[in-house]
Amino acid sequence: MQYFVTMEFVEPGPLFAPQQLGQMVADIILPSFDLLAELQAQGKIVAGGVLVGTRTASFTVEAANHNELDQLLEGMPWWGIMKTTVVPLQSFAQRAANDRALMERIQAANS
C-alpha cells in the first residue's frame, strides 16, 4: 500500500535558543534526510523531496500496512519536531475499476 506523507517543521518559538540550531541540524535534521535518502534507495520511499523554500518534506511510502508506516515514521530522528500528515493512496487502476463498477450500476438502474 502507498501512503502520501507530509512532514512540516513545527516552529519552537522563542523558547528555542539560536545556538541550539546547529546542534539540532547535526543531531536531528541531517540524520533524518540521510534516512529518507536511504529509504528511497531501498525502494521504501517511491518519490519525494523537500518543498522548495519551505521546511516541509513530502514523500510517497510503500508499506505493507498502517503499523509498518507508523514504525517507519516514528523511527525518524525528527519525528518529535515535525507535524505529520498521512494520506493512504488508492492506485489509478483500482480507482478506474471502482468507477467502472459504479458506471455499470448506474447503467443497469437506468435500463
PDB file of N, CA and C in Angstrom:
ATOM      1  N   MET A   1       0.842  -1.166   0.000  1.00  0.00           N
ATOM      2  CA  MET A   1       0.000   0.000   0.000  1.00  0.00           C
ATOM      3  C   MET A   1       0.889   1.231   0.000  1.00  0.00           C
ATOM      4  N   GLN A   2       0.423   2.267  -0.699  1.00  0.00           N
ATOM      5  CA  GLN A   2       1.198   3.501  -0.734  1.00  0.00           C
ATOM      6  C   GLN A   2       0.519   4.589   0.089  1.00  0.00           C
ATOM      7  N   TYR A   3       1.356   5.392   0.715  1.00  0.00           N
ATOM      8  CA  TYR A   3       0.894   6.500   1.555  1.00  0.00           C
ATOM      9  C   TYR A   3       1.616   7.766   1.137  1.00  0.00           C
ATOM     10  N   PHE A   4       0.879   8.862   1.060  1.00  0.00           N
ATOM     11  CA  PHE A   4       1.488  10.164   0.802  1.00  0.00           C
ATOM     12  C   PHE A   4       1.684  10.839   2.157  1.00  0.00           C
ATOM     13  N   VAL A   5       2.931  11.167   2.470  1.00  0.00           N
ATOM     14  CA  VAL A   5       3.287  11.712   3.781  1.00  0.00           C
ATOM     15  C   VAL A   5       3.824  13.126   3.614  1.00  0.00           C
ATOM     16  N   THR A   6       3.352  14.017   4.473  1.00  0.00           N
ATOM     17  CA  THR A   6       3.899  15.367   4.534  1.00  0.00           C
ATOM     18  C   THR A   6       4.353  15.606   5.968  1.00  0.00           C
ATOM     19  N   MET A   7       5.600  16.038   6.101  1.00  0.00           N
ATOM     20  CA  MET A   7       6.152  16.340   7.423  1.00  0.00           C
ATOM     21  C   MET A   7       6.636  17.788   7.407  1.00  0.00           C
ATOM     22  N   GLU A   8       6.043  18.597   8.283  1.00  0.00           N
ATOM     23  CA  GLU A   8       6.337  20.024   8.331  1.00  0.00           C
ATOM     24  C   GLU A   8       6.951  20.381   9.683  1.00  0.00           C
ATOM     25  N   PHE A   9       8.057  21.112   9.641  1.00  0.00           N
ATOM     26  CA  PHE A   9       8.748  21.532  10.858  1.00  0.00           C
ATOM     27  C   PHE A   9       7.834  22.401  11.708  1.00  0.00           C
ATOM     28  N   VAL A  10       7.765  22.115  12.994  1.00  0.00           N
ATOM     29  CA  VAL A  10       6.975  22.904  13.930  1.00  0.00           C
ATOM     30  C   VAL A  10       7.907  23.924  14.574  1.00  0.00           C
ATOM     31  N   GLU A  11       7.616  25.187  14.360  1.00  0.00           N
ATOM     32  CA  GLU A  11       8.441  26.258  14.936  1.00  0.00           C
ATOM     33  C   GLU A  11       8.370  26.210  16.455  1.00  0.00           C
ATOM     34  N   PRO A  12       9.520  26.110  17.125  1.00  0.00           N
ATOM     35  CA  PRO A  12       9.517  26.000  18.586  1.00  0.00           C
ATOM     36  C   PRO A  12       9.245  27.319  19.296  1.00  0.00           C
ATOM     37  N   GLY A  13       9.291  28.435  18.575  1.00  0.00           N
ATOM     38  CA  GLY A  13       9.013  29.727  19.184  1.00  0.00           C
ATOM     39  C   GLY A  13      10.204  30.275  19.946  1.00  0.00           C
ATOM     40  N   PRO A  14       9.974  31.267  20.801  1.00  0.00           N
ATOM     41  CA  PRO A  14      11.070  31.951  21.493  1.00  0.00           C
ATOM     42  C   PRO A  14      11.781  31.100  22.539  1.00  0.00           C
ATOM     43  N   LEU A  15      11.244  29.960  22.905  1.00  0.00           N
ATOM     44  CA  LEU A  15      11.912  29.111  23.895  1.00  0.00           C
ATOM     45  C   LEU A  15      13.126  28.404  23.315  1.00  0.00           C
ATOM     46  N   PHE A  16      13.273  28.441  22.007  1.00  0.00           N
ATOM     47  CA  PHE A  16      14.373  27.756  21.324  1.00  0.00           C
ATOM     48  C   PHE A  16      15.516  28.741  21.132  1.00  0.00           C
ATOM     49  N   ALA A  17      16.628  28.513  21.805  1.00  0.00           N
ATOM     50  CA  ALA A  17      17.779  29.408  21.699  1.00  0.00           C
ATOM     51  C   ALA A  17      18.471  29.245  20.348  1.00  0.00           C
ATOM     52  N   PRO A  18      18.872  30.349  19.708  1.00  0.00           N
ATOM     53  CA  PRO A  18      19.506  30.270  18.387  1.00  0.00           C
ATOM     54  C   PRO A  18      20.736  29.362  18.344  1.00  0.00           C
ATOM     55  N   GLN A  19      21.504  29.282  19.431  1.00  0.00           N
ATOM     56  CA  GLN A  19      22.698  28.432  19.444  1.00  0.00           C
ATOM     57  C   GLN A  19      22.359  26.948  19.364  1.00  0.00           C
ATOM     58  N   GLN A  20      21.114  26.600  19.652  1.00  0.00           N
ATOM     59  CA  GLN A  20      20.694  25.209  19.574  1.00  0.00           C
ATOM     60  C   GLN A  20      20.460  24.754  18.135  1.00  0.00           C
ATOM     61  N   LEU A  21      20.346  25.697  17.217  1.00  0.00           N
ATOM     62  CA  LEU A  21      20.039  25.372  15.826  1.00  0.00           C
ATOM     63  C   LEU A  21      21.095  24.454  15.213  1.00  0.00           C
ATOM     64  N   GLY A  22      22.364  24.773  15.379  1.00  0.00           N
ATOM     65  CA  GLY A  22      23.426  23.942  14.822  1.00  0.00           C
ATOM     66  C   GLY A  22      23.392  22.528  15.348  1.00  0.00           C
ATOM     67  N   GLN A  23      23.146  22.391  16.626  1.00  0.00           N
ATOM     68  CA  GLN A  23      23.070  21.068  17.248  1.00  0.00           C
ATOM     69  C   GLN A  23      21.868  20.295  16.718  1.00  0.00           C
ATOM     70  N   MET A  24      20.746  20.993  16.539  1.00  0.00           N
ATOM     71  CA  MET A  24      19.550  20.332  16.022  1.00  0.00           C
ATOM     72  C   MET A  24      19.766  19.862  14.584  1.00  0.00           C
ATOM     73  N   VAL A  25      20.416  20.677  13.780  1.00  0.00           N
ATOM     74  CA  VAL A  25      20.702  20.282  12.397  1.00  0.00           C
ATOM     75  C   VAL A  25      21.605  19.047  12.385  1.00  0.00           C
ATOM     76  N   ALA A  26      22.628  19.032  13.217  1.00  0.00           N
ATOM     77  CA  ALA A  26      23.566  17.909  13.259  1.00  0.00           C
ATOM     78  C   ALA A  26      22.940  16.634  13.818  1.00  0.00           C
ATOM     79  N   ASP A  27      22.130  16.769  14.858  1.00  0.00           N
ATOM     80  CA  ASP A  27      21.611  15.589  15.558  1.00  0.00           C
ATOM     81  C   ASP A  27      20.276  15.077  15.029  1.00  0.00           C
ATOM     82  N   ILE A  28      19.492  15.956  14.409  1.00  0.00           N
ATOM     83  CA  ILE A  28      18.130  15.577  14.036  1.00  0.00           C
ATOM     84  C   ILE A  28      17.856  15.731  12.542  1.00  0.00           C
ATOM     85  N   ILE A  29      18.123  16.913  12.013  1.00  0.00           N
ATOM     86  CA  ILE A  29      17.736  17.213  10.623  1.00  0.00           C
ATOM     87  C   ILE A  29      18.542  16.397   9.622  1.00  0.00           C
ATOM     88  N   LEU A  30      19.851  16.499   9.671  1.00  0.00           N
ATOM     89  CA  LEU A  30      20.675  15.767   8.694  1.00  0.00           C
ATOM     90  C   LEU A  30      20.511  14.247   8.794  1.00  0.00           C
ATOM     91  N   PRO A  31      20.474  13.666  10.001  1.00  0.00           N
ATOM     92  CA  PRO A  31      20.226  12.223  10.076  1.00  0.00           C
ATOM     93  C   PRO A  31      18.866  11.824   9.483  1.00  0.00           C
ATOM     94  N   SER A  32      17.877  12.689   9.610  1.00  0.00           N
ATOM     95  CA  SER A  32      16.566  12.393   9.028  1.00  0.00           C
ATOM     96  C   SER A  32      16.631  12.401   7.508  1.00  0.00           C
ATOM     97  N   PHE A  33      17.306  13.392   6.937  1.00  0.00           N
ATOM     98  CA  PHE A  33      17.463  13.428   5.478  1.00  0.00           C
ATOM     99  C   PHE A  33      18.265  12.223   4.993  1.00  0.00           C
ATOM    100  N   ASP A  34      19.292  11.851   5.738  1.00  0.00           N
ATOM    101  CA  ASP A  34      20.080  10.667   5.366  1.00  0.00           C
ATOM    102  C   ASP A  34      19.213   9.412   5.379  1.00  0.00           C
ATOM    103  N   LEU A  35      18.367   9.280   6.392  1.00  0.00           N
ATOM    104  CA  LEU A  35      17.472   8.132   6.483  1.00  0.00           C
ATOM    105  C   LEU A  35      16.471   8.122   5.324  1.00  0.00           C
ATOM    106  N   LEU A  36      15.903   9.278   4.999  1.00  0.00           N
ATOM    107  CA  LEU A  36      14.971   9.360   3.877  1.00  0.00           C
ATOM    108  C   LEU A  36      15.650   8.964   2.571  1.00  0.00           C
ATOM    109  N   ALA A  37      16.870   9.426   2.366  1.00  0.00           N
ATOM    110  CA  ALA A  37      17.613   9.065   1.155  1.00  0.00           C
ATOM    111  C   ALA A  37      17.890   7.566   1.106  1.00  0.00           C
ATOM    112  N   GLU A  38      18.218   6.980   2.257  1.00  0.00           N
ATOM    113  CA  GLU A  38      18.460   5.534   2.339  1.00  0.00           C
ATOM    114  C   GLU A  38      17.177   4.753   2.032  1.00  0.00           C
ATOM    115  N   LEU A  39      16.064   5.193   2.597  1.00  0.00           N
ATOM    116  CA  LEU A  39      14.780   4.532   2.350  1.00  0.00           C
ATOM    117  C   LEU A  39      14.371   4.652   0.878  1.00  0.00           C
ATOM    118  N   GLN A  40      14.714   5.772   0.267  1.00  0.00           N
ATOM    119  CA  GLN A  40      14.422   5.926  -1.158  1.00  0.00           C
ATOM    120  C   GLN A  40      15.295   4.989  -1.985  1.00  0.00           C
ATOM    121  N   ALA A  41      16.554   4.852  -1.632  1.00  0.00           N
ATOM    122  CA  ALA A  41      17.450   3.925  -2.335  1.00  0.00           C
ATOM    123  C   ALA A  41      16.981   2.481  -2.198  1.00  0.00           C
ATOM    124  N   GLN A  42      16.363   2.149  -1.061  1.00  0.00           N
ATOM    125  CA  GLN A  42      15.839   0.801  -0.821  1.00  0.00           C
ATOM    126  C   GLN A  42      14.484   0.566  -1.482  1.00  0.00           C
ATOM    127  N   GLY A  43      13.857   1.620  -1.993  1.00  0.00           N
ATOM    128  CA  GLY A  43      12.550   1.491  -2.617  1.00  0.00           C
ATOM    129  C   GLY A  43      11.377   1.641  -1.670  1.00  0.00           C
ATOM    130  N   LYS A  44      11.628   1.887  -0.377  1.00  0.00           N
ATOM    131  CA  LYS A  44      10.527   2.106   0.581  1.00  0.00           C
ATOM    132  C   LYS A  44       9.863   3.454   0.320  1.00  0.00           C
ATOM    133  N   ILE A  45      10.669   4.438  -0.033  1.00  0.00           N
ATOM    134  CA  ILE A  45      10.130   5.724  -0.451  1.00  0.00           C
ATOM    135  C   ILE A  45      10.177   5.740  -1.971  1.00  0.00           C
ATOM    136  N   VAL A  46       9.008   5.872  -2.584  1.00  0.00           N
ATOM    137  CA  VAL A  46       8.877   5.791  -4.033  1.00  0.00           C
ATOM    138  C   VAL A  46       9.330   7.090  -4.695  1.00  0.00           C
ATOM    139  N   ALA A  47       8.969   8.198  -4.100  1.00  0.00           N
ATOM    140  CA  ALA A  47       9.338   9.520  -4.629  1.00  0.00           C
ATOM    141  C   ALA A  47       9.161  10.523  -3.504  1.00  0.00           C
ATOM    142  N   GLY A  48       9.807  11.658  -3.644  1.00  0.00           N
ATOM    143  CA  GLY A  48       9.615  12.694  -2.648  1.00  0.00           C
ATOM    144  C   GLY A  48      10.733  13.704  -2.644  1.00  0.00           C
ATOM    145  N   GLY A  49      10.607  14.651  -1.744  1.00  0.00           N
ATOM    146  CA  GLY A  49      11.608  15.687  -1.605  1.00  0.00           C
ATOM    147  C   GLY A  49      11.121  16.767  -0.661  1.00  0.00           C
ATOM    148  N   VAL A  50      11.877  17.852  -0.627  1.00  0.00           N
ATOM    149  CA  VAL A  50      11.545  18.997   0.209  1.00  0.00           C
ATOM    150  C   VAL A  50      10.881  20.045  -0.678  1.00  0.00           C
ATOM    151  N   LEU A  51       9.775  20.597  -0.196  1.00  0.00           N
ATOM    152  CA  LEU A  51       9.109  21.652  -0.950  1.00  0.00           C
ATOM    153  C   LEU A  51      10.021  22.870  -0.941  1.00  0.00           C
ATOM    154  N   VAL A  52      10.409  23.314  -2.112  1.00  0.00           N
ATOM    155  CA  VAL A  52      11.392  24.385  -2.247  1.00  0.00           C
ATOM    156  C   VAL A  52      10.984  25.613  -1.433  1.00  0.00           C
ATOM    157  N   GLY A  53      11.944  26.130  -0.676  1.00  0.00           N
ATOM    158  CA  GLY A  53      11.724  27.331   0.109  1.00  0.00           C
ATOM    159  C   GLY A  53      10.952  27.114   1.403  1.00  0.00           C
ATOM    160  N   THR A  54      10.729  25.851   1.776  1.00  0.00           N
ATOM    161  CA  THR A  54       9.982  25.565   2.995  1.00  0.00           C
ATOM    162  C   THR A  54      10.767  24.614   3.885  1.00  0.00           C
ATOM    163  N   ARG A  55      10.197  24.305   5.015  1.00  0.00           N
ATOM    164  CA  ARG A  55      10.742  23.282   5.914  1.00  0.00           C
ATOM    165  C   ARG A  55       9.773  22.110   5.961  1.00  0.00           C
ATOM    166  N   THR A  56       9.313  21.736   4.774  1.00  0.00           N
ATOM    167  CA  THR A  56       8.327  20.671   4.637  1.00  0.00           C
ATOM    168  C   THR A  56       8.843  19.614   3.681  1.00  0.00           C
ATOM    169  N   ALA A  57       8.784  18.358   4.096  1.00  0.00           N
ATOM    170  CA  ALA A  57       9.147  17.232   3.240  1.00  0.00           C
ATOM    171  C   ALA A  57       7.874  16.480   2.885  1.00  0.00           C
ATOM    172  N   SER A  58       7.760  16.087   1.633  1.00  0.00           N
ATOM    173  CA  SER A  58       6.634  15.274   1.180  1.00  0.00           C
ATOM    174  C   SER A  58       7.185  14.084   0.426  1.00  0.00           C
ATOM    175  N   PHE A  59       6.594  12.913   0.672  1.00  0.00           N
ATOM    176  CA  PHE A  59       7.088  11.716   0.007  1.00  0.00           C
ATOM    177  C   PHE A  59       6.019  10.643  -0.004  1.00  0.00           C
ATOM    178  N   THR A  60       6.176   9.706  -0.925  1.00  0.00           N
ATOM    179  CA  THR A  60       5.277   8.564  -1.028  1.00  0.00           C
ATOM    180  C   THR A  60       6.009   7.341  -0.512  1.00  0.00           C
ATOM    181  N   VAL A  61       5.394   6.656   0.454  1.00  0.00           N
ATOM    182  CA  VAL A  61       5.987   5.487   1.097  1.00  0.00           C
ATOM    183  C   VAL A  61       5.238   4.232   0.669  1.00  0.00           C
ATOM    184  N   GLU A  62       5.986   3.174   0.406  1.00  0.00           N
ATOM    185  CA  GLU A  62       5.428   1.846   0.158  1.00  0.00           C
ATOM    186  C   GLU A  62       5.535   1.079   1.467  1.00  0.00           C
ATOM    187  N   ALA A  63       4.382   0.725   2.056  1.00  0.00           N
ATOM    188  CA  ALA A  63       4.375  -0.013   3.323  1.00  0.00           C
ATOM    189  C   ALA A  63       3.283  -1.076   3.274  1.00  0.00           C
ATOM    190  N   ALA A  64       3.513  -2.166   3.975  1.00  0.00           N
ATOM    191  CA  ALA A  64       2.559  -3.280   3.974  1.00  0.00           C
ATOM    192  C   ALA A  64       1.248  -2.900   4.652  1.00  0.00           C
ATOM    193  N   ASN A  65       1.327  -2.034   5.671  1.00  0.00           N
ATOM    194  CA  ASN A  65       0.117  -1.673   6.420  1.00  0.00           C
ATOM    195  C   ASN A  65       0.387  -0.412   7.235  1.00  0.00           C
ATOM    196  N   HIS A  66      -0.654   0.035   7.947  1.00  0.00           N
ATOM    197  CA  HIS A  66      -0.540   1.253   8.743  1.00  0.00           C
ATOM    198  C   HIS A  66       0.536   1.129   9.820  1.00  0.00           C
ATOM    199  N   ASN A  67       0.637  -0.036  10.442  1.00  0.00           N
ATOM    200  CA  ASN A  67       1.627  -0.222  11.513  1.00  0.00           C
ATOM    201  C   ASN A  67       3.049  -0.090  11.000  1.00  0.00           C
ATOM    202  N   GLU A  68       3.323  -0.667   9.831  1.00  0.00           N
ATOM    203  CA  GLU A  68       4.670  -0.545   9.269  1.00  0.00           C
ATOM    204  C   GLU A  68       5.000   0.916   8.989  1.00  0.00           C
ATOM    205  N   LEU A  69       4.039   1.637   8.431  1.00  0.00           N
ATOM    206  CA  LEU A  69       4.266   3.060   8.157  1.00  0.00           C
ATOM    207  C   LEU A  69       4.492   3.818   9.458  1.00  0.00           C
ATOM    208  N   ASP A  70       3.683   3.549  10.457  1.00  0.00           N
ATOM    209  CA  ASP A  70       3.806   4.225  11.740  1.00  0.00           C
ATOM    210  C   ASP A  70       5.188   4.010  12.346  1.00  0.00           C
ATOM    211  N   GLN A  71       5.678   2.794  12.306  1.00  0.00           N
ATOM    212  CA  GLN A  71       7.009   2.495  12.844  1.00  0.00           C
ATOM    213  C   GLN A  71       8.098   3.211  12.050  1.00  0.00           C
ATOM    214  N   LEU A  72       7.935   3.260  10.735  1.00  0.00           N
ATOM    215  CA  LEU A  72       8.924   3.949   9.893  1.00  0.00           C
ATOM    216  C   LEU A  72       8.982   5.426  10.266  1.00  0.00           C
ATOM    217  N   LEU A  73       7.825   6.057  10.382  1.00  0.00           N
ATOM    218  CA  LEU A  73       7.783   7.489  10.693  1.00  0.00           C
ATOM    219  C   LEU A  73       8.305   7.781  12.085  1.00  0.00           C
ATOM    220  N   GLU A  74       7.916   6.967  13.063  1.00  0.00           N
ATOM    221  CA  GLU A  74       8.386   7.190  14.429  1.00  0.00           C
ATOM    222  C   GLU A  74       9.878   6.926  14.586  1.00  0.00           C
ATOM    223  N   GLY A  75      10.464   6.195  13.652  1.00  0.00           N
ATOM    224  CA  GLY A  75      11.890   5.921  13.689  1.00  0.00           C
ATOM    225  C   GLY A  75      12.750   7.036  13.129  1.00  0.00           C
ATOM    226  N   MET A  76      12.123   8.065  12.591  1.00  0.00           N
ATOM    227  CA  MET A  76      12.884   9.198  12.047  1.00  0.00           C
ATOM    228  C   MET A  76      13.316  10.119  13.174  1.00  0.00           C
ATOM    229  N   PRO A  77      14.577  10.547  13.155  1.00  0.00           N
ATOM    230  CA  PRO A  77      15.069  11.413  14.236  1.00  0.00           C
ATOM    231  C   PRO A  77      14.230  12.672  14.444  1.00  0.00           C
ATOM    232  N   TRP A  78      13.628  13.199  13.397  1.00  0.00           N
ATOM    233  CA  TRP A  78      12.880  14.449  13.538  1.00  0.00           C
ATOM    234  C   TRP A  78      11.401  14.241  13.866  1.00  0.00           C
ATOM    235  N   TRP A  79      11.022  13.030  14.179  1.00  0.00           N
ATOM    236  CA  TRP A  79       9.619  12.719  14.470  1.00  0.00           C
ATOM    237  C   TRP A  79       9.007  13.698  15.474  1.00  0.00           C
ATOM    238  N   GLY A  80       9.697  14.028  16.533  1.00  0.00           N
ATOM    239  CA  GLY A  80       9.142  14.874  17.583  1.00  0.00           C
ATOM    240  C   GLY A  80       9.038  16.344  17.254  1.00  0.00           C
ATOM    241  N   ILE A  81       9.663  16.799  16.175  1.00  0.00           N
ATOM    242  CA  ILE A  81       9.616  18.228  15.845  1.00  0.00           C
ATOM    243  C   ILE A  81       8.867  18.501  14.542  1.00  0.00           C
ATOM    244  N   MET A  82       8.235  17.472  13.995  1.00  0.00           N
ATOM    245  CA  MET A  82       7.524  17.619  12.729  1.00  0.00           C
ATOM    246  C   MET A  82       6.037  17.344  12.917  1.00  0.00           C
ATOM    247  N   LYS A  83       5.215  18.146  12.257  1.00  0.00           N
ATOM    248  CA  LYS A  83       3.781  17.878  12.169  1.00  0.00           C
ATOM    249  C   LYS A  83       3.607  16.960  10.966  1.00  0.00           C
ATOM    250  N   THR A  84       3.023  15.798  11.182  1.00  0.00           N
ATOM    251  CA  THR A  84       2.935  14.783  10.132  1.00  0.00           C
ATOM    252  C   THR A  84       1.496  14.580   9.684  1.00  0.00           C
ATOM    253  N   THR A  85       1.325  14.545   8.365  1.00  0.00           N
ATOM    254  CA  THR A  85       0.035  14.248   7.765  1.00  0.00           C
ATOM    255  C   THR A  85       0.224  13.054   6.835  1.00  0.00           C
ATOM    256  N   VAL A  86      -0.656  12.064   6.946  1.00  0.00           N
ATOM    257  CA  VAL A  86      -0.566  10.853   6.135  1.00  0.00           C
ATOM    258  C   VAL A  86      -1.887  10.650   5.395  1.00  0.00           C
ATOM    259  N   VAL A  87      -1.786  10.367   4.102  1.00  0.00           N
ATOM    260  CA  VAL A  87      -2.966  10.078   3.296  1.00  0.00           C
ATOM    261  C   VAL A  87      -2.732   8.758   2.571  1.00  0.00           C
ATOM    262  N   PRO A  88      -3.564   7.727   2.831  1.00  0.00           N
ATOM    263  CA  PRO A  88      -3.433   6.476   2.072  1.00  0.00           C
ATOM    264  C   PRO A  88      -3.807   6.740   0.618  1.00  0.00           C
ATOM    265  N   LEU A  89      -3.054   6.149  -0.290  1.00  0.00           N
ATOM    266  CA  LEU A  89      -3.315   6.337  -1.712  1.00  0.00           C
ATOM    267  C   LEU A  89      -3.997   5.114  -2.297  1.00  0.00           C
ATOM    268  N   GLN A  90      -4.915   5.370  -3.200  1.00  0.00           N
ATOM    269  CA  GLN A  90      -5.572   4.308  -3.962  1.00  0.00           C
ATOM    270  C   GLN A  90      -4.938   4.316  -5.351  1.00  0.00           C
ATOM    271  N   SER A  91      -4.634   3.144  -5.887  1.00  0.00           N
ATOM    272  CA  SER A  91      -3.992   3.086  -7.200  1.00  0.00           C
ATOM    273  C   SER A  91      -4.944   3.590  -8.278  1.00  0.00           C
ATOM    274  N   PHE A  92      -4.386   4.057  -9.382  1.00  0.00           N
ATOM    275  CA  PHE A  92      -5.199   4.507 -10.505  1.00  0.00           C
ATOM    276  C   PHE A  92      -6.040   3.360 -11.048  1.00  0.00           C
ATOM    277  N   ALA A  93      -5.454   2.169 -11.125  1.00  0.00           N
ATOM    278  CA  ALA A  93      -6.169   1.002 -11.650  1.00  0.00           C
ATOM    279  C   ALA A  93      -7.360   0.642 -10.762  1.00  0.00           C
ATOM    280  N   GLN A  94      -7.160   0.689  -9.439  1.00  0.00           N
ATOM    281  CA  GLN A  94      -8.258   0.371  -8.530  1.00  0.00           C
ATOM    282  C   GLN A  94      -9.365   1.405  -8.632  1.00  0.00           C
ATOM    283  N   ARG A  95      -8.990   2.673  -8.728  1.00  0.00           N
ATOM    284  CA  ARG A  95      -9.997   3.730  -8.858  1.00  0.00           C
ATOM    285  C   ARG A  95     -10.782   3.569 -10.161  1.00  0.00           C
ATOM    286  N   ALA A  96     -10.090   3.233 -11.235  1.00  0.00           N
ATOM    287  CA  ALA A  96     -10.773   3.017 -12.514  1.00  0.00           C
ATOM    288  C   ALA A  96     -11.739   1.841 -12.406  1.00  0.00           C
ATOM    289  N   ALA A  97     -11.329   0.767 -11.739  1.00  0.00           N
ATOM    290  CA  ALA A  97     -12.201  -0.392 -11.564  1.00  0.00           C
ATOM    291  C   ALA A  97     -13.438  -0.016 -10.748  1.00  0.00           C
ATOM    292  N   ASN A  98     -13.254   0.767  -9.691  1.00  0.00           N
ATOM    293  CA  ASN A  98     -14.385   1.218  -8.879  1.00  0.00           C
ATOM    294  C   ASN A  98     -15.346   2.070  -9.702  1.00  0.00           C
ATOM    295  N   ASP A  99     -14.788   2.989 -10.508  1.00  0.00           N
ATOM    296  CA  ASP A  99     -15.632   3.856 -11.324  1.00  0.00           C
ATOM    297  C   ASP A  99     -16.355   3.074 -12.417  1.00  0.00           C
ATOM    298  N   ARG A 100     -15.688   2.054 -12.961  1.00  0.00           N
ATOM    299  CA  ARG A 100     -16.352   1.201 -13.957  1.00  0.00           C
ATOM    300  C   ARG A 100     -17.531   0.460 -13.325  1.00  0.00           C
ATOM    301  N   ALA A 101     -17.347  -0.062 -12.137  1.00  0.00           N
ATOM    302  CA  ALA A 101     -18.426  -0.765 -11.440  1.00  0.00           C
ATOM    303  C   ALA A 101     -19.578   0.191 -11.143  1.00  0.00           C
ATOM    304  N   LEU A 102     -19.256   1.415 -10.732  1.00  0.00           N
ATOM    305  CA  LEU A 102     -20.287   2.417 -10.484  1.00  0.00           C
ATOM    306  C   LEU A 102     -21.052   2.717 -11.765  1.00  0.00           C
ATOM    307  N   MET A 103     -20.330   2.901 -12.871  1.00  0.00           N
ATOM    308  CA  MET A 103     -20.957   3.186 -14.154  1.00  0.00           C
ATOM    309  C   MET A 103     -21.904   2.049 -14.547  1.00  0.00           C
ATOM    310  N   GLU A 104     -21.474   0.818 -14.339  1.00  0.00           N
ATOM    311  CA  GLU A 104     -22.316  -0.336 -14.667  1.00  0.00           C
ATOM    312  C   GLU A 104     -23.577  -0.363 -13.810  1.00  0.00           C
ATOM    313  N   ARG A 105     -23.460  -0.031 -12.517  1.00  0.00           N
ATOM    314  CA  ARG A 105     -24.634   0.011 -11.647  1.00  0.00           C
ATOM    315  C   ARG A 105     -25.614   1.096 -12.098  1.00  0.00           C
ATOM    316  N   ILE A 106     -25.080   2.240 -12.471  1.00  0.00           N
ATOM    317  CA  ILE A 106     -25.928   3.343 -12.938  1.00  0.00           C
ATOM    318  C   ILE A 106     -26.633   2.956 -14.234  1.00  0.00           C
ATOM    319  N   GLN A 107     -25.886   2.360 -15.168  1.00  0.00           N
ATOM    320  CA  GLN A 107     -26.481   1.957 -16.432  1.00  0.00           C
ATOM    321  C   GLN A 107     -27.547   0.880 -16.226  1.00  0.00           C
ATOM    322  N   ALA A 108     -27.302  -0.067 -15.306  1.00  0.00           N
ATOM    323  CA  ALA A 108     -28.271  -1.128 -15.029  1.00  0.00           C
ATOM    324  C   ALA A 108     -29.539  -0.554 -14.398  1.00  0.00           C
ATOM    325  N   ALA A 109     -29.372   0.453 -13.559  1.00  0.00           N
ATOM    326  CA  ALA A 109     -30.537   1.068 -12.914  1.00  0.00           C
ATOM    327  C   ALA A 109     -31.374   1.856 -13.905  1.00  0.00           C
ATOM    328  N   ASN A 110     -30.755   2.385 -14.947  1.00  0.00           N
ATOM    329  CA  ASN A 110     -31.458   3.180 -15.945  1.00  0.00           C
ATOM    330  C   ASN A 110     -31.993   2.330 -17.095  1.00  0.00           C
ATOM    331  N   SER A 111     -31.770   1.032 -17.061  1.00  0.00           N
ATOM    332  CA  SER A 111     -32.223   0.161 -18.149  1.00  0.00           C
ATOM    333  C   SER A 111     -33.620  -0.343 -17.934  1.00  0.00           C
TER     334      SER A 111
END
